[in-house]
Amino acid sequence: MFVQPNSPADRAGLQQGDVLVDFNGQPVGTIDELHKHLACQEIDVQ
């Protein structure tokens, strides 16, 4: 994964090469599953 500098992911400590296995306690096996979880959440961007 690529982490955009100064993005919420960067501020959360994600690094290039990290693998997401869950999102808010829900398993993520594919990028489509991650997109589904993200679409159902309100993302706090400051």
N, C-alpha and C. Protein backbone atom coordinates (compact mmCIF):
# COMPACT_ATOMS: atom_id res chain seq x y z
N MET A 1 0.84 -1.16 0.00
CA MET A 1 0.00 0.00 0.00
C MET A 1 0.89 1.22 0.00
N PHE A 2 0.45 2.28 -0.66
CA PHE A 2 1.13 3.57 -0.64
C PHE A 2 0.43 4.45 0.38
N VAL A 3 1.21 5.13 1.21
CA VAL A 3 0.65 6.02 2.23
C VAL A 3 1.00 7.46 1.85
N GLN A 4 -0.01 8.24 1.55
CA GLN A 4 0.18 9.64 1.19
C GLN A 4 0.70 10.42 2.39
N PRO A 5 1.80 11.17 2.24
CA PRO A 5 2.31 11.96 3.37
C PRO A 5 1.24 12.93 3.91
N ASN A 6 1.20 13.06 5.22
CA ASN A 6 0.27 13.95 5.94
C ASN A 6 -1.20 13.55 5.78
N SER A 7 -1.47 12.34 5.32
CA SER A 7 -2.84 11.86 5.20
C SER A 7 -3.29 11.27 6.54
N PRO A 8 -4.58 11.01 6.70
CA PRO A 8 -5.03 10.35 7.93
C PRO A 8 -4.31 9.02 8.17
N ALA A 9 -4.04 8.27 7.10
CA ALA A 9 -3.32 7.00 7.24
C ALA A 9 -1.91 7.23 7.75
N ASP A 10 -1.25 8.26 7.22
CA ASP A 10 0.10 8.60 7.67
C ASP A 10 0.08 9.01 9.14
N ARG A 11 -0.85 9.85 9.51
CA ARG A 11 -0.94 10.30 10.91
C ARG A 11 -1.30 9.15 11.85
N ALA A 12 -1.97 8.11 11.33
CA ALA A 12 -2.32 6.95 12.15
C ALA A 12 -1.15 5.97 12.28
N GLY A 13 -0.08 6.22 11.51
CA GLY A 13 1.09 5.37 11.63
C GLY A 13 1.20 4.26 10.60
N LEU A 14 0.30 4.22 9.61
CA LEU A 14 0.42 3.21 8.56
C LEU A 14 1.66 3.50 7.73
N GLN A 15 2.30 2.42 7.27
CA GLN A 15 3.52 2.55 6.48
C GLN A 15 3.39 1.75 5.20
N GLN A 16 4.15 2.18 4.18
CA GLN A 16 4.15 1.44 2.93
C GLN A 16 4.51 -0.01 3.20
N GLY A 17 3.74 -0.91 2.62
CA GLY A 17 3.97 -2.34 2.81
C GLY A 17 3.09 -2.95 3.88
N ASP A 18 2.45 -2.13 4.70
CA ASP A 18 1.52 -2.66 5.70
C ASP A 18 0.37 -3.38 5.00
N VAL A 19 -0.18 -4.38 5.65
CA VAL A 19 -1.31 -5.14 5.12
C VAL A 19 -2.48 -4.97 6.08
N LEU A 20 -3.61 -4.48 5.57
CA LEU A 20 -4.81 -4.33 6.39
C LEU A 20 -5.52 -5.67 6.47
N VAL A 21 -5.81 -6.12 7.68
CA VAL A 21 -6.52 -7.39 7.86
C VAL A 21 -7.90 -7.18 8.45
N ASP A 22 -8.12 -5.99 9.08
CA ASP A 22 -9.47 -5.67 9.55
C ASP A 22 -9.65 -4.16 9.59
N PHE A 23 -10.90 -3.77 9.62
CA PHE A 23 -11.27 -2.36 9.67
C PHE A 23 -12.38 -2.24 10.70
N ASN A 24 -12.09 -1.54 11.80
CA ASN A 24 -13.06 -1.42 12.90
C ASN A 24 -13.55 -2.78 13.38
N GLY A 25 -12.63 -3.74 13.44
CA GLY A 25 -12.97 -5.06 13.94
C GLY A 25 -13.63 -5.99 12.94
N GLN A 26 -13.84 -5.51 11.71
CA GLN A 26 -14.45 -6.34 10.66
C GLN A 26 -13.34 -6.83 9.72
N PRO A 27 -13.33 -8.13 9.41
CA PRO A 27 -12.27 -8.66 8.55
C PRO A 27 -12.29 -8.02 7.16
N VAL A 28 -11.08 -7.82 6.62
CA VAL A 28 -10.92 -7.29 5.27
C VAL A 28 -10.02 -8.27 4.52
N GLY A 29 -10.58 -8.93 3.52
CA GLY A 29 -9.82 -9.90 2.75
C GLY A 29 -9.45 -9.40 1.36
N THR A 30 -10.19 -8.40 0.88
CA THR A 30 -9.94 -7.86 -0.46
C THR A 30 -10.09 -6.35 -0.44
N ILE A 31 -9.59 -5.70 -1.48
CA ILE A 31 -9.73 -4.25 -1.59
C ILE A 31 -11.20 -3.87 -1.70
N ASP A 32 -12.01 -4.72 -2.34
CA ASP A 32 -13.45 -4.44 -2.45
C ASP A 32 -14.12 -4.43 -1.07
N GLU A 33 -13.71 -5.34 -0.20
CA GLU A 33 -14.25 -5.36 1.16
C GLU A 33 -13.85 -4.09 1.92
N LEU A 34 -12.60 -3.65 1.74
CA LEU A 34 -12.15 -2.42 2.39
C LEU A 34 -12.97 -1.24 1.89
N HIS A 35 -13.17 -1.14 0.58
CA HIS A 35 -13.98 -0.05 0.03
C HIS A 35 -15.40 -0.07 0.59
N LYS A 36 -15.96 -1.26 0.74
CA LYS A 36 -17.31 -1.38 1.30
C LYS A 36 -17.34 -0.83 2.73
N HIS A 37 -16.35 -1.19 3.54
CA HIS A 37 -16.29 -0.69 4.92
C HIS A 37 -16.12 0.83 4.94
N LEU A 38 -15.24 1.33 4.08
CA LEU A 38 -14.99 2.77 4.04
C LEU A 38 -16.23 3.54 3.61
N ALA A 39 -16.96 2.99 2.66
CA ALA A 39 -18.16 3.67 2.17
C ALA A 39 -19.24 3.76 3.25
N CYS A 40 -19.17 2.87 4.21
CA CYS A 40 -20.17 2.84 5.28
C CYS A 40 -19.74 3.65 6.50
N GLN A 41 -18.59 4.25 6.45
CA GLN A 41 -18.06 4.99 7.59
C GLN A 41 -17.90 6.46 7.25
N GLU A 42 -18.01 7.31 8.25
CA GLU A 42 -17.69 8.71 8.07
C GLU A 42 -16.22 8.88 8.44
N ILE A 43 -15.43 9.38 7.49
CA ILE A 43 -14.00 9.52 7.70
C ILE A 43 -13.71 10.94 8.17
N ASP A 44 -12.98 11.03 9.27
CA ASP A 44 -12.64 12.33 9.85
C ASP A 44 -11.37 12.86 9.19
N VAL A 45 -11.52 13.79 8.26
CA VAL A 45 -10.38 14.39 7.59
C VAL A 45 -10.25 15.82 8.09
N GLN A 46 -9.08 16.14 8.62
CA GLN A 46 -8.86 17.49 9.16
C GLN A 46 -7.83 18.22 8.35
